[in-house]
Amino acid sequence: MARISFIGFGELGAGLAERLGASKAHDLRAWIRARADRTADDALSQRVASAGVERCPSLGEAVAGADAVLSVVPGTASRPTAERSAEFLDPGALYVDLTTTAIADKEAGARAVQGAGGRYVDAAVLGAAAVAGATLPIVASGDGAHEWRELSRCEGLSTQVLDGPAGRATQLKLLRSAYMKGRDALVVETLLAARRVGLEDRLAASIEGAGERVPFPDLADRVLRSLAVHAERRARELSESADALLAVGVDPQLARAGADVLQRVADTGLREELGGERPDSGAAVLALLDERMTSEE
């Protein structure tokens, strides 16, 4: 039986506790800051208890003696929580930081944990806990990543190891978020403008199609191959789209920025080099863009 302690207990913590507690093979504990409102704090205690987790009165009591400590606090608290927890960690204990924060915060947390004799796991959650719960994929790096994968896999959690130091898994997550969260912002910008002219339903329906249902690697390959020859035309169209958004009172920040990126792709001269013919490989296009767009900066 392993003793697993949570620091914090939001949606992600609750989902993980449910999965880790299903086998009844572990002693689950948690430390959560007391709520100012007594009623809210009592409700939190009941939620923790219903998940089969013992609520500890102090951080030290939760961390001391634990085989694995799971930090599920807000990202702003990632580094200070790791540094405070390191004071109480048993030698060899796993410290699994599941927060979303800057790479430097994960690196600092790792130094604190390793300095106290613990093993640090930079765990990046690739999905939304509210949607996937404990089934969401987790990528882990750091010196404790392999052991965490083995422990969590026994309970049905999906953890993949990304070989490398702490911060590597978070780097993957943040790069992924440039697309995922950028897409979210683009949905707001686009639909807000469409709503103002009564076209939101028609616009949403027009975007649905076979091309939007392909796996992302296939989509990325298709986009890169197409942009190699059509970037300038698409930059112009996106600039005109920005004008259309502005005309209905929506600040087209993403459309303007996107048009600028596409124009920079066009300025690399790939279309002329390829004779206007779409290339066979998106990866080859990406390599050329990496070389040429970096040199412009």
C-alpha atoms as a PDB file:
ATOM      1  CA  MET A   1       0.000   0.000   0.000  1.00  0.00           C
ATOM      2  CA  ALA A   2       1.299   3.450  -0.927  1.00  0.00           C
ATOM      3  CA  ARG A   3       0.503   6.629   0.938  1.00  0.00           C
ATOM      4  CA  ILE A   4      -0.452   9.298  -1.576  1.00  0.00           C
ATOM      5  CA  SER A   5      -1.044  12.866  -0.469  1.00  0.00           C
ATOM      6  CA  PHE A   6      -2.691  15.688  -2.365  1.00  0.00           C
ATOM      7  CA  ILE A   7      -1.889  19.342  -1.960  1.00  0.00           C
ATOM      8  CA  GLY A   8      -4.993  21.105  -3.168  1.00  0.00           C
ATOM      9  CA  PHE A   9      -8.163  19.337  -4.251  1.00  0.00           C
ATOM     10  CA  GLY A  10      -9.912  20.885  -7.245  1.00  0.00           C
ATOM     11  CA  GLU A  11     -11.400  19.093 -10.253  1.00  0.00           C
ATOM     12  CA  LEU A  12      -8.117  17.439 -11.174  1.00  0.00           C
ATOM     13  CA  GLY A  13      -7.355  16.346  -7.608  1.00  0.00           C
ATOM     14  CA  ALA A  14     -10.832  14.926  -7.147  1.00  0.00           C
ATOM     15  CA  GLY A  15     -10.627  12.999 -10.417  1.00  0.00           C
ATOM     16  CA  LEU A  16      -7.244  11.546  -9.582  1.00  0.00           C
ATOM     17  CA  ALA A  17      -8.349  10.636  -6.052  1.00  0.00           C
ATOM     18  CA  GLU A  18     -11.340   8.784  -7.430  1.00  0.00           C
ATOM     19  CA  ARG A  19      -9.126   6.710  -9.711  1.00  0.00           C
ATOM     20  CA  LEU A  20      -6.341   6.118  -7.199  1.00  0.00           C
ATOM     21  CA  GLY A  21      -8.835   5.219  -4.491  1.00  0.00           C
ATOM     22  CA  ALA A  22     -10.876   2.793  -6.570  1.00  0.00           C
ATOM     23  CA  SER A  23      -8.683  -0.196  -5.710  1.00  0.00           C
ATOM     24  CA  LYS A  24      -8.639   0.647  -1.971  1.00  0.00           C
ATOM     25  CA  ALA A  25      -4.940  -0.165  -2.162  1.00  0.00           C
ATOM     26  CA  HIS A  26      -3.654   3.245  -1.098  1.00  0.00           C
ATOM     27  CA  ASP A  27      -3.844   5.536   1.891  1.00  0.00           C
ATOM     28  CA  LEU A  28      -5.034   8.869   0.465  1.00  0.00           C
ATOM     29  CA  ARG A  29      -4.554  12.147   2.303  1.00  0.00           C
ATOM     30  CA  ALA A  30      -4.885  15.816   1.421  1.00  0.00           C
ATOM     31  CA  TRP A  31      -4.005  19.246   2.687  1.00  0.00           C
ATOM     32  CA  ILE A  32      -6.184  22.073   1.468  1.00  0.00           C
ATOM     33  CA  ARG A  33      -6.192  25.636   2.680  1.00  0.00           C
ATOM     34  CA  ALA A  34      -9.213  26.325   4.873  1.00  0.00           C
ATOM     35  CA  ARG A  35     -11.971  28.359   3.247  1.00  0.00           C
ATOM     36  CA  ALA A  36     -12.831  31.667   4.882  1.00  0.00           C
ATOM     37  CA  ASP A  37     -16.507  30.755   4.780  1.00  0.00           C
ATOM     38  CA  ARG A  38     -17.225  28.000   7.306  1.00  0.00           C
ATOM     39  CA  THR A  39     -20.078  26.544   5.266  1.00  0.00           C
ATOM     40  CA  ALA A  40     -17.889  26.331   2.169  1.00  0.00           C
ATOM     41  CA  ASP A  41     -15.096  24.719   4.152  1.00  0.00           C
ATOM     42  CA  ASP A  42     -17.447  22.125   5.623  1.00  0.00           C
ATOM     43  CA  ALA A  43     -18.706  21.320   2.132  1.00  0.00           C
ATOM     44  CA  LEU A  44     -15.109  20.895   0.959  1.00  0.00           C
ATOM     45  CA  SER A  45     -14.356  18.531   3.842  1.00  0.00           C
ATOM     46  CA  GLN A  46     -17.394  16.448   2.939  1.00  0.00           C
ATOM     47  CA  ARG A  47     -16.295  16.287  -0.711  1.00  0.00           C
ATOM     48  CA  VAL A  48     -12.823  15.158   0.311  1.00  0.00           C
ATOM     49  CA  ALA A  49     -14.203  12.539   2.691  1.00  0.00           C
ATOM     50  CA  SER A  50     -16.630  11.203   0.082  1.00  0.00           C
ATOM     51  CA  ALA A  51     -13.628  10.583  -2.186  1.00  0.00           C
ATOM     52  CA  GLY A  52     -12.083   8.383   0.511  1.00  0.00           C
ATOM     53  CA  VAL A  53      -9.423  10.958   1.346  1.00  0.00           C
ATOM     54  CA  GLU A  54      -8.353  12.009   4.845  1.00  0.00           C
ATOM     55  CA  ARG A  55      -8.021  15.771   5.210  1.00  0.00           C
ATOM     56  CA  CYS A  56      -4.896  16.720   7.152  1.00  0.00           C
ATOM     57  CA  PRO A  57      -4.722  19.803   9.362  1.00  0.00           C
ATOM     58  CA  SER A  58      -1.294  20.891   8.095  1.00  0.00           C
ATOM     59  CA  LEU A  59       0.952  20.654   5.057  1.00  0.00           C
ATOM     60  CA  GLY A  60       3.635  18.902   7.075  1.00  0.00           C
ATOM     61  CA  GLU A  61       1.275  16.184   8.268  1.00  0.00           C
ATOM     62  CA  ALA A  62       0.109  15.527   4.727  1.00  0.00           C
ATOM     63  CA  VAL A  63       3.594  15.380   3.213  1.00  0.00           C
ATOM     64  CA  ALA A  64       5.572  13.559   5.916  1.00  0.00           C
ATOM     65  CA  GLY A  65       5.523   9.809   5.397  1.00  0.00           C
ATOM     66  CA  ALA A  66       3.971  10.003   1.930  1.00  0.00           C
ATOM     67  CA  ASP A  67       5.318   7.811  -0.865  1.00  0.00           C
ATOM     68  CA  ALA A  68       3.989  10.270  -3.442  1.00  0.00           C
ATOM     69  CA  VAL A  69       2.831  13.866  -3.059  1.00  0.00           C
ATOM     70  CA  LEU A  70       0.591  15.258  -5.796  1.00  0.00           C
ATOM     71  CA  SER A  71       0.555  19.033  -6.139  1.00  0.00           C
ATOM     72  CA  VAL A  72      -2.691  20.175  -7.767  1.00  0.00           C
ATOM     73  CA  VAL A  73      -2.599  23.801  -6.620  1.00  0.00           C
ATOM     74  CA  PRO A  74      -3.015  26.828  -8.938  1.00  0.00           C
ATOM     75  CA  GLY A  75      -0.006  27.460 -11.155  1.00  0.00           C
ATOM     76  CA  THR A  76       0.987  30.603  -9.278  1.00  0.00           C
ATOM     77  CA  ALA A  77       1.545  28.466  -6.181  1.00  0.00           C
ATOM     78  CA  SER A  78       3.592  25.761  -7.890  1.00  0.00           C
ATOM     79  CA  ARG A  79       7.079  26.886  -6.883  1.00  0.00           C
ATOM     80  CA  PRO A  80       6.387  28.008  -3.289  1.00  0.00           C
ATOM     81  CA  THR A  81       4.372  24.860  -2.633  1.00  0.00           C
ATOM     82  CA  ALA A  82       7.216  22.644  -3.847  1.00  0.00           C
ATOM     83  CA  GLU A  83       9.729  24.564  -1.750  1.00  0.00           C
ATOM     84  CA  ARG A  84       7.598  24.349   1.391  1.00  0.00           C
ATOM     85  CA  SER A  85       6.765  20.694   0.844  1.00  0.00           C
ATOM     86  CA  ALA A  86      10.430  19.788   0.400  1.00  0.00           C
ATOM     87  CA  GLU A  87      10.963  20.501   4.091  1.00  0.00           C
ATOM     88  CA  PHE A  88       8.731  17.560   5.034  1.00  0.00           C
ATOM     89  CA  LEU A  89       9.438  15.027   2.263  1.00  0.00           C
ATOM     90  CA  ASP A  90      10.798  11.627   3.185  1.00  0.00           C
ATOM     91  CA  PRO A  91      13.983  10.611   1.328  1.00  0.00           C
ATOM     92  CA  GLY A  92      13.098   8.992  -1.986  1.00  0.00           C
ATOM     93  CA  ALA A  93       9.491  10.230  -1.974  1.00  0.00           C
ATOM     94  CA  LEU A  94       7.933  11.289  -5.266  1.00  0.00           C
ATOM     95  CA  TYR A  95       6.778  14.872  -5.662  1.00  0.00           C
ATOM     96  CA  VAL A  96       4.412  15.055  -8.636  1.00  0.00           C
ATOM     97  CA  ASP A  97       3.764  18.627  -9.738  1.00  0.00           C
ATOM     98  CA  LEU A  98       0.636  18.645 -11.911  1.00  0.00           C
ATOM     99  CA  THR A  99       0.299  22.415 -12.052  1.00  0.00           C
ATOM    100  CA  THR A 100       0.447  24.520 -15.200  1.00  0.00           C
ATOM    101  CA  THR A 101       3.130  27.140 -14.722  1.00  0.00           C
ATOM    102  CA  ALA A 102       6.325  28.494 -16.254  1.00  0.00           C
ATOM    103  CA  ILE A 103       9.136  26.080 -17.057  1.00  0.00           C
ATOM    104  CA  ALA A 104      11.412  27.964 -14.663  1.00  0.00           C
ATOM    105  CA  ASP A 105       8.992  27.284 -11.795  1.00  0.00           C
ATOM    106  CA  LYS A 106       9.139  23.542 -12.442  1.00  0.00           C
ATOM    107  CA  GLU A 107      12.934  23.653 -12.603  1.00  0.00           C
ATOM    108  CA  ALA A 108      13.085  25.536  -9.295  1.00  0.00           C
ATOM    109  CA  GLY A 109      10.645  23.089  -7.718  1.00  0.00           C
ATOM    110  CA  ALA A 110      12.781  20.193  -8.864  1.00  0.00           C
ATOM    111  CA  ARG A 111      15.887  21.710  -7.282  1.00  0.00           C
ATOM    112  CA  ALA A 112      14.094  22.115  -3.968  1.00  0.00           C
ATOM    113  CA  VAL A 113      12.706  18.577  -3.958  1.00  0.00           C
ATOM    114  CA  GLN A 114      15.919  16.937  -5.110  1.00  0.00           C
ATOM    115  CA  GLY A 115      17.898  18.968  -2.585  1.00  0.00           C
ATOM    116  CA  ALA A 116      15.758  17.408   0.138  1.00  0.00           C
ATOM    117  CA  GLY A 117      16.360  13.895  -1.187  1.00  0.00           C
ATOM    118  CA  GLY A 118      13.056  13.534  -3.013  1.00  0.00           C
ATOM    119  CA  ARG A 119      12.373  12.712  -6.666  1.00  0.00           C
ATOM    120  CA  TYR A 120      10.571  15.272  -8.766  1.00  0.00           C
ATOM    121  CA  VAL A 121       7.993  14.637 -11.457  1.00  0.00           C
ATOM    122  CA  ASP A 122       7.072  17.412 -13.857  1.00  0.00           C
ATOM    123  CA  ALA A 123       3.602  16.198 -14.839  1.00  0.00           C
ATOM    124  CA  ALA A 124       1.829  18.003 -17.690  1.00  0.00           C
ATOM    125  CA  VAL A 125      -1.883  17.371 -18.091  1.00  0.00           C
ATOM    126  CA  LEU A 126      -2.819  17.368 -21.776  1.00  0.00           C
ATOM    127  CA  GLY A 127      -6.533  18.015 -21.576  1.00  0.00           C
ATOM    128  CA  ALA A 128      -9.331  19.427 -19.461  1.00  0.00           C
ATOM    129  CA  ALA A 129      -9.995  17.732 -16.136  1.00  0.00           C
ATOM    130  CA  ALA A 130     -13.633  18.845 -16.205  1.00  0.00           C
ATOM    131  CA  VAL A 131     -14.164  16.884 -19.433  1.00  0.00           C
ATOM    132  CA  ALA A 132     -11.890  13.852 -19.139  1.00  0.00           C
ATOM    133  CA  GLY A 133     -11.517  13.506 -15.381  1.00  0.00           C
ATOM    134  CA  ALA A 134      -8.849  11.001 -14.386  1.00  0.00           C
ATOM    135  CA  THR A 135      -8.731   9.510 -17.896  1.00  0.00           C
ATOM    136  CA  LEU A 136      -6.944  12.489 -19.377  1.00  0.00           C
ATOM    137  CA  PRO A 137      -3.408  11.901 -20.672  1.00  0.00           C
ATOM    138  CA  ILE A 138      -0.450  12.998 -18.572  1.00  0.00           C
ATOM    139  CA  VAL A 139       3.099  13.441 -19.832  1.00  0.00           C
ATOM    140  CA  ALA A 140       5.860  13.317 -17.221  1.00  0.00           C
ATOM    141  CA  SER A 141       9.535  14.202 -17.120  1.00  0.00           C
ATOM    142  CA  GLY A 142      12.094  14.493 -14.337  1.00  0.00           C
ATOM    143  CA  ASP A 143      13.992  11.956 -12.254  1.00  0.00           C
ATOM    144  CA  GLY A 144      10.851  10.436 -10.735  1.00  0.00           C
ATOM    145  CA  ALA A 145       8.831  10.160 -13.963  1.00  0.00           C
ATOM    146  CA  HIS A 146       9.309   6.440 -14.606  1.00  0.00           C
ATOM    147  CA  GLU A 147       8.392   5.449 -11.065  1.00  0.00           C
ATOM    148  CA  TRP A 148       5.283   7.648 -11.149  1.00  0.00           C
ATOM    149  CA  ARG A 149       4.223   6.028 -14.410  1.00  0.00           C
ATOM    150  CA  GLU A 150       4.467   2.571 -12.868  1.00  0.00           C
ATOM    151  CA  LEU A 151       2.535   3.580  -9.762  1.00  0.00           C
ATOM    152  CA  SER A 152      -0.190   5.390 -11.682  1.00  0.00           C
ATOM    153  CA  ARG A 153      -0.463   2.778 -14.427  1.00  0.00           C
ATOM    154  CA  CYS A 154      -1.457   0.162 -11.869  1.00  0.00           C
ATOM    155  CA  GLU A 155      -4.514   2.303 -11.141  1.00  0.00           C
ATOM    156  CA  GLY A 156      -5.457   2.866 -14.783  1.00  0.00           C
ATOM    157  CA  LEU A 157      -4.016   6.347 -15.182  1.00  0.00           C
ATOM    158  CA  SER A 158      -2.539   7.227 -18.547  1.00  0.00           C
ATOM    159  CA  THR A 159       0.979   8.582 -17.991  1.00  0.00           C
ATOM    160  CA  GLN A 160       3.644   8.732 -20.689  1.00  0.00           C
ATOM    161  CA  VAL A 161       7.258   9.513 -19.893  1.00  0.00           C
ATOM    162  CA  LEU A 162       9.011  12.212 -21.874  1.00  0.00           C
ATOM    163  CA  ASP A 163      12.674  11.565 -21.187  1.00  0.00           C
ATOM    164  CA  GLY A 164      14.388  14.677 -19.951  1.00  0.00           C
ATOM    165  CA  PRO A 165      14.671  16.917 -16.920  1.00  0.00           C
ATOM    166  CA  ALA A 166      11.897  18.693 -15.064  1.00  0.00           C
ATOM    167  CA  GLY A 167      10.426  21.365 -17.306  1.00  0.00           C
ATOM    168  CA  ARG A 168      10.491  19.220 -20.431  1.00  0.00           C
ATOM    169  CA  ALA A 169       6.910  17.977 -20.017  1.00  0.00           C
ATOM    170  CA  THR A 170       5.719  21.490 -19.230  1.00  0.00           C
ATOM    171  CA  GLN A 171       7.486  22.763 -22.351  1.00  0.00           C
ATOM    172  CA  LEU A 172       5.424  20.331 -24.417  1.00  0.00           C
ATOM    173  CA  LYS A 173       2.216  21.444 -22.721  1.00  0.00           C
ATOM    174  CA  LEU A 174       2.884  25.150 -23.198  1.00  0.00           C
ATOM    175  CA  LEU A 175       3.775  24.721 -26.863  1.00  0.00           C
ATOM    176  CA  ARG A 176       0.589  22.704 -27.310  1.00  0.00           C
ATOM    177  CA  SER A 177      -1.358  25.469 -25.575  1.00  0.00           C
ATOM    178  CA  ALA A 178      -0.190  28.006 -28.148  1.00  0.00           C
ATOM    179  CA  TYR A 179      -2.490  26.156 -30.538  1.00  0.00           C
ATOM    180  CA  MET A 180      -5.207  24.975 -28.173  1.00  0.00           C
ATOM    181  CA  LYS A 181      -5.706  28.228 -26.261  1.00  0.00           C
ATOM    182  CA  GLY A 182      -5.060  30.302 -29.356  1.00  0.00           C
ATOM    183  CA  ARG A 183      -7.858  28.359 -31.014  1.00  0.00           C
ATOM    184  CA  ASP A 184     -10.144  29.107 -28.074  1.00  0.00           C
ATOM    185  CA  ALA A 185      -9.476  32.819 -28.437  1.00  0.00           C
ATOM    186  CA  LEU A 186     -10.087  32.629 -32.170  1.00  0.00           C
ATOM    187  CA  VAL A 187     -13.455  30.952 -31.581  1.00  0.00           C
ATOM    188  CA  VAL A 188     -14.480  33.912 -29.405  1.00  0.00           C
ATOM    189  CA  GLU A 189     -13.248  36.511 -31.891  1.00  0.00           C
ATOM    190  CA  THR A 190     -14.921  34.825 -34.860  1.00  0.00           C
ATOM    191  CA  LEU A 191     -18.272  33.934 -33.309  1.00  0.00           C
ATOM    192  CA  LEU A 192     -18.662  37.294 -31.611  1.00  0.00           C
ATOM    193  CA  ALA A 193     -18.417  39.042 -34.975  1.00  0.00           C
ATOM    194  CA  ALA A 194     -20.760  36.505 -36.577  1.00  0.00           C
ATOM    195  CA  ARG A 195     -23.337  36.984 -33.836  1.00  0.00           C
ATOM    196  CA  ARG A 196     -23.403  40.726 -34.401  1.00  0.00           C
ATOM    197  CA  VAL A 197     -24.619  40.165 -37.940  1.00  0.00           C
ATOM    198  CA  GLY A 198     -26.864  37.195 -37.119  1.00  0.00           C
ATOM    199  CA  LEU A 199     -24.667  34.564 -38.775  1.00  0.00           C
ATOM    200  CA  GLU A 200     -23.249  32.604 -35.846  1.00  0.00           C
ATOM    201  CA  ASP A 201     -25.236  29.421 -36.530  1.00  0.00           C
ATOM    202  CA  ARG A 202     -24.552  29.462 -40.262  1.00  0.00           C
ATOM    203  CA  LEU A 203     -20.874  30.145 -39.680  1.00  0.00           C
ATOM    204  CA  ALA A 204     -20.509  27.298 -37.184  1.00  0.00           C
ATOM    205  CA  ALA A 205     -22.265  24.883 -39.535  1.00  0.00           C
ATOM    206  CA  SER A 206     -20.091  25.969 -42.463  1.00  0.00           C
ATOM    207  CA  ILE A 207     -16.886  25.068 -40.624  1.00  0.00           C
ATOM    208  CA  GLU A 208     -18.024  21.527 -39.829  1.00  0.00           C
ATOM    209  CA  GLY A 209     -16.842  19.060 -42.421  1.00  0.00           C
ATOM    210  CA  ALA A 210     -14.549  16.155 -43.265  1.00  0.00           C
ATOM    211  CA  GLY A 211     -11.528  18.437 -43.288  1.00  0.00           C
ATOM    212  CA  GLU A 212     -12.094  19.345 -39.642  1.00  0.00           C
ATOM    213  CA  ARG A 213     -12.357  15.726 -38.527  1.00  0.00           C
ATOM    214  CA  VAL A 214      -8.900  14.517 -39.485  1.00  0.00           C
ATOM    215  CA  PRO A 215      -6.254  13.759 -36.845  1.00  0.00           C
ATOM    216  CA  PHE A 216      -4.108  16.779 -36.047  1.00  0.00           C
ATOM    217  CA  PRO A 217      -0.906  15.352 -37.611  1.00  0.00           C
ATOM    218  CA  ASP A 218      -2.789  14.970 -40.895  1.00  0.00           C
ATOM    219  CA  LEU A 219      -4.272  18.452 -40.560  1.00  0.00           C
ATOM    220  CA  ALA A 220      -0.865  19.993 -39.843  1.00  0.00           C
ATOM    221  CA  ASP A 221       0.663  18.231 -42.851  1.00  0.00           C
ATOM    222  CA  ARG A 222      -2.135  19.457 -45.110  1.00  0.00           C
ATOM    223  CA  VAL A 223      -1.886  23.031 -43.842  1.00  0.00           C
ATOM    224  CA  LEU A 224       1.889  23.232 -44.250  1.00  0.00           C
ATOM    225  CA  ARG A 225       1.851  21.782 -47.768  1.00  0.00           C
ATOM    226  CA  SER A 226      -0.887  24.177 -48.805  1.00  0.00           C
ATOM    227  CA  LEU A 227       0.734  27.247 -47.277  1.00  0.00           C
ATOM    228  CA  ALA A 228       3.934  26.566 -49.166  1.00  0.00           C
ATOM    229  CA  VAL A 229       2.169  27.755 -52.315  1.00  0.00           C
ATOM    230  CA  HIS A 230      -0.887  29.673 -51.089  1.00  0.00           C
ATOM    231  CA  ALA A 231       0.366  31.659 -48.073  1.00  0.00           C
ATOM    232  CA  GLU A 232       0.173  35.069 -49.751  1.00  0.00           C
ATOM    233  CA  ARG A 233      -3.396  34.594 -50.931  1.00  0.00           C
ATOM    234  CA  ARG A 234      -4.442  33.358 -47.513  1.00  0.00           C
ATOM    235  CA  ALA A 235      -2.683  36.254 -45.801  1.00  0.00           C
ATOM    236  CA  ARG A 236      -4.623  38.676 -47.953  1.00  0.00           C
ATOM    237  CA  GLU A 237      -7.912  36.905 -47.257  1.00  0.00           C
ATOM    238  CA  LEU A 238      -7.267  36.864 -43.534  1.00  0.00           C
ATOM    239  CA  SER A 239      -6.444  40.581 -43.628  1.00  0.00           C
ATOM    240  CA  GLU A 240      -9.759  41.192 -45.360  1.00  0.00           C
ATOM    241  CA  SER A 241     -11.436  39.065 -42.695  1.00  0.00           C
ATOM    242  CA  ALA A 242      -9.880  41.331 -40.065  1.00  0.00           C
ATOM    243  CA  ASP A 243     -11.455  44.313 -41.820  1.00  0.00           C
ATOM    244  CA  ALA A 244     -14.833  42.550 -41.749  1.00  0.00           C
ATOM    245  CA  LEU A 245     -14.532  41.946 -38.004  1.00  0.00           C
ATOM    246  CA  LEU A 246     -13.558  45.548 -37.390  1.00  0.00           C
ATOM    247  CA  ALA A 247     -16.556  46.737 -39.383  1.00  0.00           C
ATOM    248  CA  VAL A 248     -18.920  45.115 -36.849  1.00  0.00           C
ATOM    249  CA  GLY A 249     -17.038  46.407 -33.805  1.00  0.00           C
ATOM    250  CA  VAL A 250     -14.833  43.413 -32.978  1.00  0.00           C
ATOM    251  CA  ASP A 251     -11.116  44.081 -32.454  1.00  0.00           C
ATOM    252  CA  PRO A 252      -9.466  41.604 -34.879  1.00  0.00           C
ATOM    253  CA  GLN A 253      -6.292  41.015 -32.874  1.00  0.00           C
ATOM    254  CA  LEU A 254      -5.885  37.367 -33.814  1.00  0.00           C
ATOM    255  CA  ALA A 255      -6.901  37.845 -37.435  1.00  0.00           C
ATOM    256  CA  ARG A 256      -4.394  40.662 -37.857  1.00  0.00           C
ATOM    257  CA  ALA A 257      -1.628  38.659 -36.177  1.00  0.00           C
ATOM    258  CA  GLY A 258      -2.490  35.601 -38.247  1.00  0.00           C
ATOM    259  CA  ALA A 259      -2.343  37.570 -41.480  1.00  0.00           C
ATOM    260  CA  ASP A 260       1.096  38.820 -40.492  1.00  0.00           C
ATOM    261  CA  VAL A 261       2.343  35.261 -39.846  1.00  0.00           C
ATOM    262  CA  LEU A 262       0.995  34.042 -43.189  1.00  0.00           C
ATOM    263  CA  GLN A 263       2.616  36.961 -45.009  1.00  0.00           C
ATOM    264  CA  ARG A 264       5.938  36.081 -43.409  1.00  0.00           C
ATOM    265  CA  VAL A 265       5.497  32.542 -44.754  1.00  0.00           C
ATOM    266  CA  ALA A 266       4.832  33.965 -48.216  1.00  0.00           C
ATOM    267  CA  ASP A 267       7.907  36.175 -47.982  1.00  0.00           C
ATOM    268  CA  THR A 268      10.164  33.118 -47.635  1.00  0.00           C
ATOM    269  CA  GLY A 269       9.776  32.570 -51.387  1.00  0.00           C
ATOM    270  CA  LEU A 270       8.696  28.950 -51.184  1.00  0.00           C
ATOM    271  CA  ARG A 271       5.994  29.345 -53.824  1.00  0.00           C
ATOM    272  CA  GLU A 272       8.442  30.592 -56.427  1.00  0.00           C
ATOM    273  CA  GLU A 273      10.970  27.937 -55.492  1.00  0.00           C
ATOM    274  CA  LEU A 274       8.377  25.193 -55.903  1.00  0.00           C
ATOM    275  CA  GLY A 275       7.027  26.569 -59.147  1.00  0.00           C
ATOM    276  CA  GLY A 276       3.581  26.897 -57.593  1.00  0.00           C
ATOM    277  CA  GLU A 277       3.312  23.131 -57.054  1.00  0.00           C
ATOM    278  CA  ARG A 278       2.236  21.784 -53.692  1.00  0.00           C
ATOM    279  CA  PRO A 279       5.071  19.761 -52.063  1.00  0.00           C
ATOM    280  CA  ASP A 280       4.683  16.167 -50.914  1.00  0.00           C
ATOM    281  CA  SER A 281       5.848  16.676 -47.335  1.00  0.00           C
ATOM    282  CA  GLY A 282       4.639  19.059 -44.663  1.00  0.00           C
ATOM    283  CA  ALA A 283       7.663  18.163 -42.545  1.00  0.00           C
ATOM    284  CA  ALA A 284       9.988  19.405 -45.298  1.00  0.00           C
ATOM    285  CA  VAL A 285       8.051  22.672 -45.487  1.00  0.00           C
ATOM    286  CA  LEU A 286       8.297  23.115 -41.712  1.00  0.00           C
ATOM    287  CA  ALA A 287      12.061  22.571 -41.815  1.00  0.00           C
ATOM    288  CA  LEU A 288      12.439  25.277 -44.488  1.00  0.00           C
ATOM    289  CA  LEU A 289      10.219  27.699 -42.579  1.00  0.00           C
ATOM    290  CA  ASP A 290      12.216  27.044 -39.426  1.00  0.00           C
ATOM    291  CA  GLU A 291      15.404  27.984 -41.226  1.00  0.00           C
ATOM    292  CA  ARG A 292      14.102  30.998 -43.104  1.00  0.00           C
ATOM    293  CA  MET A 293      11.709  32.567 -40.638  1.00  0.00           C
ATOM    294  CA  THR A 294      14.212  32.264 -37.798  1.00  0.00           C
ATOM    295  CA  SER A 295      16.893  33.997 -39.836  1.00  0.00           C
ATOM    296  CA  GLU A 296      14.585  36.991 -40.295  1.00  0.00           C
ATOM    297  CA  GLU A 297      14.292  37.644 -36.552  1.00  0.00           C
END
